[in-house]
């Protein structure tokens, strides 16, 4: 949660496999940085 905002990168592919109670927060934190058409 603290590290992701420091990465100023547009992602092509994201794999989410961390603590389940944080899934929605991770998703909302990373989706804006996922490129259109990315997975």
ModelCIF file with pLDDT and N, C-alpha, C, O atoms, coordinates in Angstrom:
data_MODEL
#
_entry.id   MODEL 
#
_entity.id                         1 
_entity.type                       polymer 
_entity.pdbx_number_of_molecules   1 
#
_entity_poly.entity_id                      1 
_entity_poly.type                           'polypeptide(L)' 
_entity_poly.nstd_linkage                   no 
_entity_poly.nstd_monomer                   no 
_entity_poly.pdbx_seq_one_letter_code       
;(UNK)(UNK)(UNK)(UNK)(UNK)(UNK)(UNK)(UNK)(UNK)(UNK)(UNK)(UNK)(UNK)(UNK)(UNK)(UNK)
(UNK)(UNK)(UNK)(UNK)(UNK)(UNK)(UNK)(UNK)(UNK)(UNK)(UNK)(UNK)(UNK)(UNK)(UNK)(UNK)
(UNK)(UNK)(UNK)(UNK)(UNK)(UNK)(UNK)
;
_entity_poly.pdbx_seq_one_letter_code_can   XXXXXXXXXXXXXXXXXXXXXXXXXXXXXXXXXXXXXXX 
_entity_poly.pdbx_strand_id                 A 
#
loop_
_entity_poly_seq.entity_id 
_entity_poly_seq.num 
_entity_poly_seq.mon_id 
_entity_poly_seq.hetero 
1 1  UNK n 
1 2  UNK n 
1 3  UNK n 
1 4  UNK n 
1 5  UNK n 
1 6  UNK n 
1 7  UNK n 
1 8  UNK n 
1 9  UNK n 
1 10 UNK n 
1 11 UNK n 
1 12 UNK n 
1 13 UNK n 
1 14 UNK n 
1 15 UNK n 
1 16 UNK n 
1 17 UNK n 
1 18 UNK n 
1 19 UNK n 
1 20 UNK n 
1 21 UNK n 
1 22 UNK n 
1 23 UNK n 
1 24 UNK n 
1 25 UNK n 
1 26 UNK n 
1 27 UNK n 
1 28 UNK n 
1 29 UNK n 
1 30 UNK n 
1 31 UNK n 
1 32 UNK n 
1 33 UNK n 
1 34 UNK n 
1 35 UNK n 
1 36 UNK n 
1 37 UNK n 
1 38 UNK n 
1 39 UNK n 
#
_struct_asym.id          A 
_struct_asym.entity_id   1 
#
loop_
_ma_qa_metric.id 
_ma_qa_metric.mode 
_ma_qa_metric.name 
_ma_qa_metric.software_group_id 
_ma_qa_metric.type 
1 global pLDDT . pLDDT 
2 local  pLDDT . pLDDT 
#
_ma_qa_metric_global.metric_id      1 
_ma_qa_metric_global.metric_value   97.56 
_ma_qa_metric_global.model_id       1 
_ma_qa_metric_global.ordinal_id     1 
#
loop_
_ma_qa_metric_local.label_asym_id 
_ma_qa_metric_local.label_comp_id 
_ma_qa_metric_local.label_seq_id 
_ma_qa_metric_local.metric_id 
_ma_qa_metric_local.metric_value 
_ma_qa_metric_local.model_id 
_ma_qa_metric_local.ordinal_id 
A UNK 1  2 97.00 1 1  
A UNK 2  2 97.00 1 2  
A UNK 3  2 98.00 1 3  
A UNK 4  2 98.00 1 4  
A UNK 5  2 97.00 1 5  
A UNK 6  2 97.00 1 6  
A UNK 7  2 97.00 1 7  
A UNK 8  2 95.00 1 8  
A UNK 9  2 98.00 1 9  
A UNK 10 2 98.00 1 10 
A UNK 11 2 98.00 1 11 
A UNK 12 2 98.00 1 12 
A UNK 13 2 98.00 1 13 
A UNK 14 2 98.00 1 14 
A UNK 15 2 98.00 1 15 
A UNK 16 2 98.00 1 16 
A UNK 17 2 96.00 1 17 
A UNK 18 2 96.00 1 18 
A UNK 19 2 96.00 1 19 
A UNK 20 2 97.00 1 20 
A UNK 21 2 97.00 1 21 
A UNK 22 2 97.00 1 22 
A UNK 23 2 98.00 1 23 
A UNK 24 2 98.00 1 24 
A UNK 25 2 98.00 1 25 
A UNK 26 2 98.00 1 26 
A UNK 27 2 98.00 1 27 
A UNK 28 2 98.00 1 28 
A UNK 29 2 98.00 1 29 
A UNK 30 2 98.00 1 30 
A UNK 31 2 98.00 1 31 
A UNK 32 2 98.00 1 32 
A UNK 33 2 98.00 1 33 
A UNK 34 2 98.00 1 34 
A UNK 35 2 98.00 1 35 
A UNK 36 2 98.00 1 36 
A UNK 37 2 98.00 1 37 
A UNK 38 2 98.00 1 38 
A UNK 39 2 98.00 1 39 
#
loop_
_atom_site.group_PDB 
_atom_site.id 
_atom_site.type_symbol 
_atom_site.label_atom_id 
_atom_site.label_alt_id 
_atom_site.label_comp_id 
_atom_site.label_asym_id 
_atom_site.label_entity_id 
_atom_site.label_seq_id 
_atom_site.pdbx_PDB_ins_code 
_atom_site.Cartn_x 
_atom_site.Cartn_y 
_atom_site.Cartn_z 
_atom_site.occupancy 
_atom_site.B_iso_or_equiv 
_atom_site.pdbx_formal_charge 
_atom_site.auth_seq_id 
_atom_site.auth_comp_id 
_atom_site.auth_asym_id 
_atom_site.auth_atom_id 
_atom_site.pdbx_PDB_model_num 
ATOM 1   N N  . UNK A 1 1  ? 0.830   -1.206  0.000   1.00 97.00 ? 1  UNK A N  1 
ATOM 2   C CA . UNK A 1 1  ? 0.000   0.000   0.000   1.00 97.00 ? 1  UNK A CA 1 
ATOM 3   C C  . UNK A 1 1  ? 0.868   1.260   0.000   1.00 97.00 ? 1  UNK A C  1 
ATOM 4   O O  . UNK A 1 1  ? 0.500   2.275   -0.590  1.00 97.00 ? 1  UNK A O  1 
ATOM 5   N N  . UNK A 1 2  ? 2.008   1.184   0.660   1.00 97.00 ? 2  UNK A N  1 
ATOM 6   C CA . UNK A 1 2  ? 2.930   2.325   0.710   1.00 97.00 ? 2  UNK A CA 1 
ATOM 7   C C  . UNK A 1 2  ? 3.875   2.357   -0.489  1.00 97.00 ? 2  UNK A C  1 
ATOM 8   O O  . UNK A 1 2  ? 4.267   3.431   -0.947  1.00 97.00 ? 2  UNK A O  1 
ATOM 9   N N  . UNK A 1 3  ? 4.237   1.188   -0.990  1.00 98.00 ? 3  UNK A N  1 
ATOM 10  C CA . UNK A 1 3  ? 5.224   1.110   -2.073  1.00 98.00 ? 3  UNK A CA 1 
ATOM 11  C C  . UNK A 1 3  ? 4.624   1.449   -3.429  1.00 98.00 ? 3  UNK A C  1 
ATOM 12  O O  . UNK A 1 3  ? 5.256   2.148   -4.221  1.00 98.00 ? 3  UNK A O  1 
ATOM 13  N N  . UNK A 1 4  ? 3.416   0.970   -3.713  1.00 98.00 ? 4  UNK A N  1 
ATOM 14  C CA . UNK A 1 4  ? 2.816   1.163   -5.039  1.00 98.00 ? 4  UNK A CA 1 
ATOM 15  C C  . UNK A 1 4  ? 2.756   2.632   -5.458  1.00 98.00 ? 4  UNK A C  1 
ATOM 16  O O  . UNK A 1 4  ? 3.106   2.938   -6.597  1.00 98.00 ? 4  UNK A O  1 
ATOM 17  N N  . UNK A 1 5  ? 2.328   3.556   -4.590  1.00 97.00 ? 5  UNK A N  1 
ATOM 18  C CA . UNK A 1 5  ? 2.263   4.968   -5.009  1.00 97.00 ? 5  UNK A CA 1 
ATOM 19  C C  . UNK A 1 5  ? 3.621   5.563   -5.372  1.00 97.00 ? 5  UNK A C  1 
ATOM 20  O O  . UNK A 1 5  ? 3.679   6.585   -6.055  1.00 97.00 ? 5  UNK A O  1 
ATOM 21  N N  . UNK A 1 6  ? 4.710   4.945   -4.928  1.00 97.00 ? 6  UNK A N  1 
ATOM 22  C CA . UNK A 1 6  ? 6.043   5.472   -5.243  1.00 97.00 ? 6  UNK A CA 1 
ATOM 23  C C  . UNK A 1 6  ? 6.525   5.018   -6.618  1.00 97.00 ? 6  UNK A C  1 
ATOM 24  O O  . UNK A 1 6  ? 7.531   5.519   -7.119  1.00 97.00 ? 6  UNK A O  1 
ATOM 25  N N  . UNK A 1 7  ? 5.822   4.083   -7.223  1.00 97.00 ? 7  UNK A N  1 
ATOM 26  C CA . UNK A 1 7  ? 6.221   3.550   -8.529  1.00 97.00 ? 7  UNK A CA 1 
ATOM 27  C C  . UNK A 1 7  ? 5.457   4.289   -9.624  1.00 97.00 ? 7  UNK A C  1 
ATOM 28  O O  . UNK A 1 7  ? 4.298   3.979   -9.900  1.00 97.00 ? 7  UNK A O  1 
ATOM 29  N N  . UNK A 1 8  ? 6.094   5.238   -10.226 1.00 95.00 ? 8  UNK A N  1 
ATOM 30  C CA . UNK A 1 8  ? 5.451   6.053   -11.272 1.00 95.00 ? 8  UNK A CA 1 
ATOM 31  C C  . UNK A 1 8  ? 5.590   5.350   -12.619 1.00 95.00 ? 8  UNK A C  1 
ATOM 32  O O  . UNK A 1 8  ? 6.347   5.777   -13.491 1.00 95.00 ? 8  UNK A O  1 
ATOM 33  N N  . UNK A 1 9  ? 4.840   4.267   -12.762 1.00 98.00 ? 9  UNK A N  1 
ATOM 34  C CA . UNK A 1 9  ? 4.965   3.388   -13.925 1.00 98.00 ? 9  UNK A CA 1 
ATOM 35  C C  . UNK A 1 9  ? 3.583   3.049   -14.453 1.00 98.00 ? 9  UNK A C  1 
ATOM 36  O O  . UNK A 1 9  ? 2.649   2.848   -13.677 1.00 98.00 ? 9  UNK A O  1 
ATOM 37  N N  . UNK A 1 10 ? 3.452   2.984   -15.784 1.00 98.00 ? 10 UNK A N  1 
ATOM 38  C CA . UNK A 1 10 ? 2.227   2.488   -16.396 1.00 98.00 ? 10 UNK A CA 1 
ATOM 39  C C  . UNK A 1 10 ? 2.406   0.991   -16.618 1.00 98.00 ? 10 UNK A C  1 
ATOM 40  O O  . UNK A 1 10 ? 3.317   0.563   -17.326 1.00 98.00 ? 10 UNK A O  1 
ATOM 41  N N  . UNK A 1 11 ? 1.526   0.199   -16.005 1.00 98.00 ? 11 UNK A N  1 
ATOM 42  C CA . UNK A 1 11 ? 1.674   -1.250  -16.039 1.00 98.00 ? 11 UNK A CA 1 
ATOM 43  C C  . UNK A 1 11 ? 0.971   -1.865  -17.246 1.00 98.00 ? 11 UNK A C  1 
ATOM 44  O O  . UNK A 1 11 ? -0.097  -1.416  -17.660 1.00 98.00 ? 11 UNK A O  1 
ATOM 45  N N  . UNK A 1 12 ? 1.590   -2.891  -17.792 1.00 98.00 ? 12 UNK A N  1 
ATOM 46  C CA . UNK A 1 12 ? 0.976   -3.681  -18.868 1.00 98.00 ? 12 UNK A CA 1 
ATOM 47  C C  . UNK A 1 12 ? 0.262   -4.902  -18.302 1.00 98.00 ? 12 UNK A C  1 
ATOM 48  O O  . UNK A 1 12 ? -0.729  -5.376  -18.856 1.00 98.00 ? 12 UNK A O  1 
ATOM 49  N N  . UNK A 1 13 ? 0.789   -5.400  -17.185 1.00 98.00 ? 13 UNK A N  1 
ATOM 50  C CA . UNK A 1 13 ? 0.274   -6.625  -16.588 1.00 98.00 ? 13 UNK A CA 1 
ATOM 51  C C  . UNK A 1 13 ? 0.475   -6.553  -15.080 1.00 98.00 ? 13 UNK A C  1 
ATOM 52  O O  . UNK A 1 13 ? 1.547   -6.180  -14.602 1.00 98.00 ? 13 UNK A O  1 
ATOM 53  N N  . UNK A 1 14 ? -0.571  -6.916  -14.335 1.00 98.00 ? 14 UNK A N  1 
ATOM 54  C CA . UNK A 1 14 ? -0.517  -6.911  -12.875 1.00 98.00 ? 14 UNK A CA 1 
ATOM 55  C C  . UNK A 1 14 ? -0.989  -8.269  -12.367 1.00 98.00 ? 14 UNK A C  1 
ATOM 56  O O  . UNK A 1 14 ? -1.968  -8.824  -12.867 1.00 98.00 ? 14 UNK A O  1 
ATOM 57  N N  . UNK A 1 15 ? -0.279  -8.799  -11.362 1.00 98.00 ? 15 UNK A N  1 
ATOM 58  C CA . UNK A 1 15 ? -0.693  -10.038 -10.715 1.00 98.00 ? 15 UNK A CA 1 
ATOM 59  C C  . UNK A 1 15 ? -0.913  -9.753  -9.244  1.00 98.00 ? 15 UNK A C  1 
ATOM 60  O O  . UNK A 1 15 ? 0.011   -9.350  -8.537  1.00 98.00 ? 15 UNK A O  1 
ATOM 61  N N  . UNK A 1 16 ? -2.129  -9.959  -8.785  1.00 98.00 ? 16 UNK A N  1 
ATOM 62  C CA . UNK A 1 16 ? -2.517  -9.693  -7.406  1.00 98.00 ? 16 UNK A CA 1 
ATOM 63  C C  . UNK A 1 16 ? -2.645  -11.008 -6.644  1.00 98.00 ? 16 UNK A C  1 
ATOM 64  O O  . UNK A 1 16 ? -3.517  -11.825 -6.936  1.00 98.00 ? 16 UNK A O  1 
ATOM 65  N N  . UNK A 1 17 ? -1.761  -11.201 -5.661  1.00 96.00 ? 17 UNK A N  1 
ATOM 66  C CA . UNK A 1 17 ? -1.764  -12.433 -4.880  1.00 96.00 ? 17 UNK A CA 1 
ATOM 67  C C  . UNK A 1 17 ? -1.232  -12.140 -3.484  1.00 96.00 ? 17 UNK A C  1 
ATOM 68  O O  . UNK A 1 17 ? -0.262  -12.753 -3.035  1.00 96.00 ? 17 UNK A O  1 
ATOM 69  N N  . UNK A 1 18 ? -1.874  -11.203 -2.806  1.00 96.00 ? 18 UNK A N  1 
ATOM 70  C CA . UNK A 1 18 ? -1.444  -10.786 -1.474  1.00 96.00 ? 18 UNK A CA 1 
ATOM 71  C C  . UNK A 1 18 ? -2.561  -11.046 -0.473  1.00 96.00 ? 18 UNK A C  1 
ATOM 72  O O  . UNK A 1 18 ? -3.422  -11.893 -0.711  1.00 96.00 ? 18 UNK A O  1 
ATOM 73  N N  . UNK A 1 19 ? -2.555  -10.318 0.657   1.00 96.00 ? 19 UNK A N  1 
ATOM 74  C CA . UNK A 1 19 ? -3.588  -10.510 1.679   1.00 96.00 ? 19 UNK A CA 1 
ATOM 75  C C  . UNK A 1 19 ? -4.962  -10.209 1.100   1.00 96.00 ? 19 UNK A C  1 
ATOM 76  O O  . UNK A 1 19 ? -5.171  -9.176  0.465   1.00 96.00 ? 19 UNK A O  1 
ATOM 77  N N  . UNK A 1 20 ? -5.886  -11.120 1.328   1.00 97.00 ? 20 UNK A N  1 
ATOM 78  C CA . UNK A 1 20 ? -7.194  -11.048 0.659   1.00 97.00 ? 20 UNK A CA 1 
ATOM 79  C C  . UNK A 1 20 ? -8.037  -9.871  1.148   1.00 97.00 ? 20 UNK A C  1 
ATOM 80  O O  . UNK A 1 20 ? -8.834  -9.318  0.390   1.00 97.00 ? 20 UNK A O  1 
ATOM 81  N N  . UNK A 1 21 ? -7.863  -9.494  2.403   1.00 97.00 ? 21 UNK A N  1 
ATOM 82  C CA . UNK A 1 21 ? -8.640  -8.373  2.931   1.00 97.00 ? 21 UNK A CA 1 
ATOM 83  C C  . UNK A 1 21 ? -8.238  -7.048  2.288   1.00 97.00 ? 21 UNK A C  1 
ATOM 84  O O  . UNK A 1 21 ? -8.950  -6.052  2.417   1.00 97.00 ? 21 UNK A O  1 
ATOM 85  N N  . UNK A 1 22 ? -7.111  -7.034  1.606   1.00 97.00 ? 22 UNK A N  1 
ATOM 86  C CA . UNK A 1 22 ? -6.656  -5.812  0.940   1.00 97.00 ? 22 UNK A CA 1 
ATOM 87  C C  . UNK A 1 22 ? -6.909  -5.790  -0.553  1.00 97.00 ? 22 UNK A C  1 
ATOM 88  O O  . UNK A 1 22 ? -6.505  -4.843  -1.229  1.00 97.00 ? 22 UNK A O  1 
ATOM 89  N N  . UNK A 1 23 ? -7.572  -6.814  -1.090  1.00 98.00 ? 23 UNK A N  1 
ATOM 90  C CA . UNK A 1 23 ? -7.719  -6.926  -2.537  1.00 98.00 ? 23 UNK A CA 1 
ATOM 91  C C  . UNK A 1 23 ? -8.368  -5.701  -3.183  1.00 98.00 ? 23 UNK A C  1 
ATOM 92  O O  . UNK A 1 23 ? -7.866  -5.193  -4.186  1.00 98.00 ? 23 UNK A O  1 
ATOM 93  N N  . UNK A 1 24 ? -9.467  -5.228  -2.623  1.00 98.00 ? 24 UNK A N  1 
ATOM 94  C CA . UNK A 1 24 ? -10.150 -4.087  -3.246  1.00 98.00 ? 24 UNK A CA 1 
ATOM 95  C C  . UNK A 1 24 ? -9.253  -2.857  -3.218  1.00 98.00 ? 24 UNK A C  1 
ATOM 96  O O  . UNK A 1 24 ? -9.202  -2.102  -4.189  1.00 98.00 ? 24 UNK A O  1 
ATOM 97  N N  . UNK A 1 25 ? -8.549  -2.654  -2.113  1.00 98.00 ? 25 UNK A N  1 
ATOM 98  C CA . UNK A 1 25 ? -7.657  -1.494  -2.021  1.00 98.00 ? 25 UNK A CA 1 
ATOM 99  C C  . UNK A 1 25 ? -6.512  -1.600  -3.012  1.00 98.00 ? 25 UNK A C  1 
ATOM 100 O O  . UNK A 1 25 ? -6.163  -0.611  -3.656  1.00 98.00 ? 25 UNK A O  1 
ATOM 101 N N  . UNK A 1 26 ? -5.919  -2.784  -3.147  1.00 98.00 ? 26 UNK A N  1 
ATOM 102 C CA . UNK A 1 26 ? -4.851  -2.976  -4.140  1.00 98.00 ? 26 UNK A CA 1 
ATOM 103 C C  . UNK A 1 26 ? -5.387  -2.737  -5.552  1.00 98.00 ? 26 UNK A C  1 
ATOM 104 O O  . UNK A 1 26 ? -4.731  -2.097  -6.374  1.00 98.00 ? 26 UNK A O  1 
ATOM 105 N N  . UNK A 1 27 ? -6.560  -3.247  -5.818  1.00 98.00 ? 27 UNK A N  1 
ATOM 106 C CA . UNK A 1 27 ? -7.186  -3.104  -7.137  1.00 98.00 ? 27 UNK A CA 1 
ATOM 107 C C  . UNK A 1 27 ? -7.396  -1.632  -7.481  1.00 98.00 ? 27 UNK A C  1 
ATOM 108 O O  . UNK A 1 27 ? -7.040  -1.183  -8.571  1.00 98.00 ? 27 UNK A O  1 
ATOM 109 N N  . UNK A 1 28 ? -7.971  -0.894  -6.550  1.00 98.00 ? 28 UNK A N  1 
ATOM 110 C CA . UNK A 1 28 ? -8.250  0.522   -6.809  1.00 98.00 ? 28 UNK A CA 1 
ATOM 111 C C  . UNK A 1 28 ? -6.975  1.350   -6.876  1.00 98.00 ? 28 UNK A C  1 
ATOM 112 O O  . UNK A 1 28 ? -6.935  2.384   -7.543  1.00 98.00 ? 28 UNK A O  1 
ATOM 113 N N  . UNK A 1 29 ? -5.950  0.901   -6.197  1.00 98.00 ? 29 UNK A N  1 
ATOM 114 C CA . UNK A 1 29 ? -4.671  1.607   -6.212  1.00 98.00 ? 29 UNK A CA 1 
ATOM 115 C C  . UNK A 1 29 ? -3.915  1.388   -7.514  1.00 98.00 ? 29 UNK A C  1 
ATOM 116 O O  . UNK A 1 29 ? -3.186  2.270   -7.968  1.00 98.00 ? 29 UNK A O  1 
ATOM 117 N N  . UNK A 1 30 ? -4.086  0.216   -8.117  1.00 98.00 ? 30 UNK A N  1 
ATOM 118 C CA . UNK A 1 30 ? -3.305  -0.117  -9.308  1.00 98.00 ? 30 UNK A CA 1 
ATOM 119 C C  . UNK A 1 30 ? -4.050  0.067   -10.626 1.00 98.00 ? 30 UNK A C  1 
ATOM 120 O O  . UNK A 1 30 ? -3.419  0.328   -11.650 1.00 98.00 ? 30 UNK A O  1 
ATOM 121 N N  . UNK A 1 31 ? -5.375  -0.063  -10.625 1.00 98.00 ? 31 UNK A N  1 
ATOM 122 C CA . UNK A 1 31 ? -6.107  0.005   -11.891 1.00 98.00 ? 31 UNK A CA 1 
ATOM 123 C C  . UNK A 1 31 ? -5.870  1.318   -12.651 1.00 98.00 ? 31 UNK A C  1 
ATOM 124 O O  . UNK A 1 31 ? -5.731  1.279   -13.874 1.00 98.00 ? 31 UNK A O  1 
ATOM 125 N N  . UNK A 1 32 ? -5.819  2.477   -11.981 1.00 98.00 ? 32 UNK A N  1 
ATOM 126 C CA . UNK A 1 32 ? -5.553  3.715   -12.726 1.00 98.00 ? 32 UNK A CA 1 
ATOM 127 C C  . UNK A 1 32 ? -4.192  3.715   -13.415 1.00 98.00 ? 32 UNK A C  1 
ATOM 128 O O  . UNK A 1 32 ? -3.988  4.444   -14.386 1.00 98.00 ? 32 UNK A O  1 
ATOM 129 N N  . UNK A 1 33 ? -3.255  2.898   -12.915 1.00 98.00 ? 33 UNK A N  1 
ATOM 130 C CA . UNK A 1 33 ? -1.918  2.834   -13.502 1.00 98.00 ? 33 UNK A CA 1 
ATOM 131 C C  . UNK A 1 33 ? -1.783  1.709   -14.521 1.00 98.00 ? 33 UNK A C  1 
ATOM 132 O O  . UNK A 1 33 ? -0.726  1.548   -15.130 1.00 98.00 ? 33 UNK A O  1 
ATOM 133 N N  . UNK A 1 34 ? -2.833  0.939   -14.707 1.00 98.00 ? 34 UNK A N  1 
ATOM 134 C CA . UNK A 1 34 ? -2.837  -0.117  -15.715 1.00 98.00 ? 34 UNK A CA 1 
ATOM 135 C C  . UNK A 1 34 ? -3.227  0.494   -17.045 1.00 98.00 ? 34 UNK A C  1 
ATOM 136 O O  . UNK A 1 34 ? -4.229  1.204   -17.134 1.00 98.00 ? 34 UNK A O  1 
ATOM 137 N N  . UNK A 1 35 ? -2.451  0.227   -18.074 1.00 98.00 ? 35 UNK A N  1 
ATOM 138 C CA . UNK A 1 35 ? -2.731  0.838   -19.363 1.00 98.00 ? 35 UNK A CA 1 
ATOM 139 C C  . UNK A 1 35 ? -4.035  0.302   -19.952 1.00 98.00 ? 35 UNK A C  1 
ATOM 140 O O  . UNK A 1 35 ? -4.466  -0.797  -19.603 1.00 98.00 ? 35 UNK A O  1 
ATOM 141 N N  . UNK A 1 36 ? -4.648  1.053   -20.821 1.00 98.00 ? 36 UNK A N  1 
ATOM 142 C CA . UNK A 1 36 ? -5.858  0.613   -21.504 1.00 98.00 ? 36 UNK A CA 1 
ATOM 143 C C  . UNK A 1 36 ? -5.543  -0.644  -22.307 1.00 98.00 ? 36 UNK A C  1 
ATOM 144 O O  . UNK A 1 36 ? -4.578  -0.674  -23.071 1.00 98.00 ? 36 UNK A O  1 
ATOM 145 N N  . UNK A 1 37 ? -6.347  -1.665  -22.132 1.00 98.00 ? 37 UNK A N  1 
ATOM 146 C CA . UNK A 1 37 ? -6.091  -2.945  -22.790 1.00 98.00 ? 37 UNK A CA 1 
ATOM 147 C C  . UNK A 1 37 ? -5.171  -3.850  -22.005 1.00 98.00 ? 37 UNK A C  1 
ATOM 148 O O  . UNK A 1 37 ? -4.938  -4.995  -22.392 1.00 98.00 ? 37 UNK A O  1 
ATOM 149 N N  . UNK A 1 38 ? -4.642  -3.338  -20.894 1.00 98.00 ? 38 UNK A N  1 
ATOM 150 C CA . UNK A 1 38 ? -3.763  -4.145  -20.054 1.00 98.00 ? 38 UNK A CA 1 
ATOM 151 C C  . UNK A 1 38 ? -4.551  -5.142  -19.217 1.00 98.00 ? 38 UNK A C  1 
ATOM 152 O O  . UNK A 1 38 ? -5.774  -5.055  -19.106 1.00 98.00 ? 38 UNK A O  1 
ATOM 153 N N  . UNK A 1 39 ? -3.824  -6.096  -18.627 1.00 98.00 ? 39 UNK A N  1 
ATOM 154 C CA . UNK A 1 39 ? -4.467  -7.177  -17.888 1.00 98.00 ? 39 UNK A CA 1 
ATOM 155 C C  . UNK A 1 39 ? -4.068  -7.176  -16.414 1.00 98.00 ? 39 UNK A C  1 
ATOM 156 O O  . UNK A 1 39 ? -4.524  -8.027  -15.650 1.00 98.00 ? 39 UNK A O  1 
#
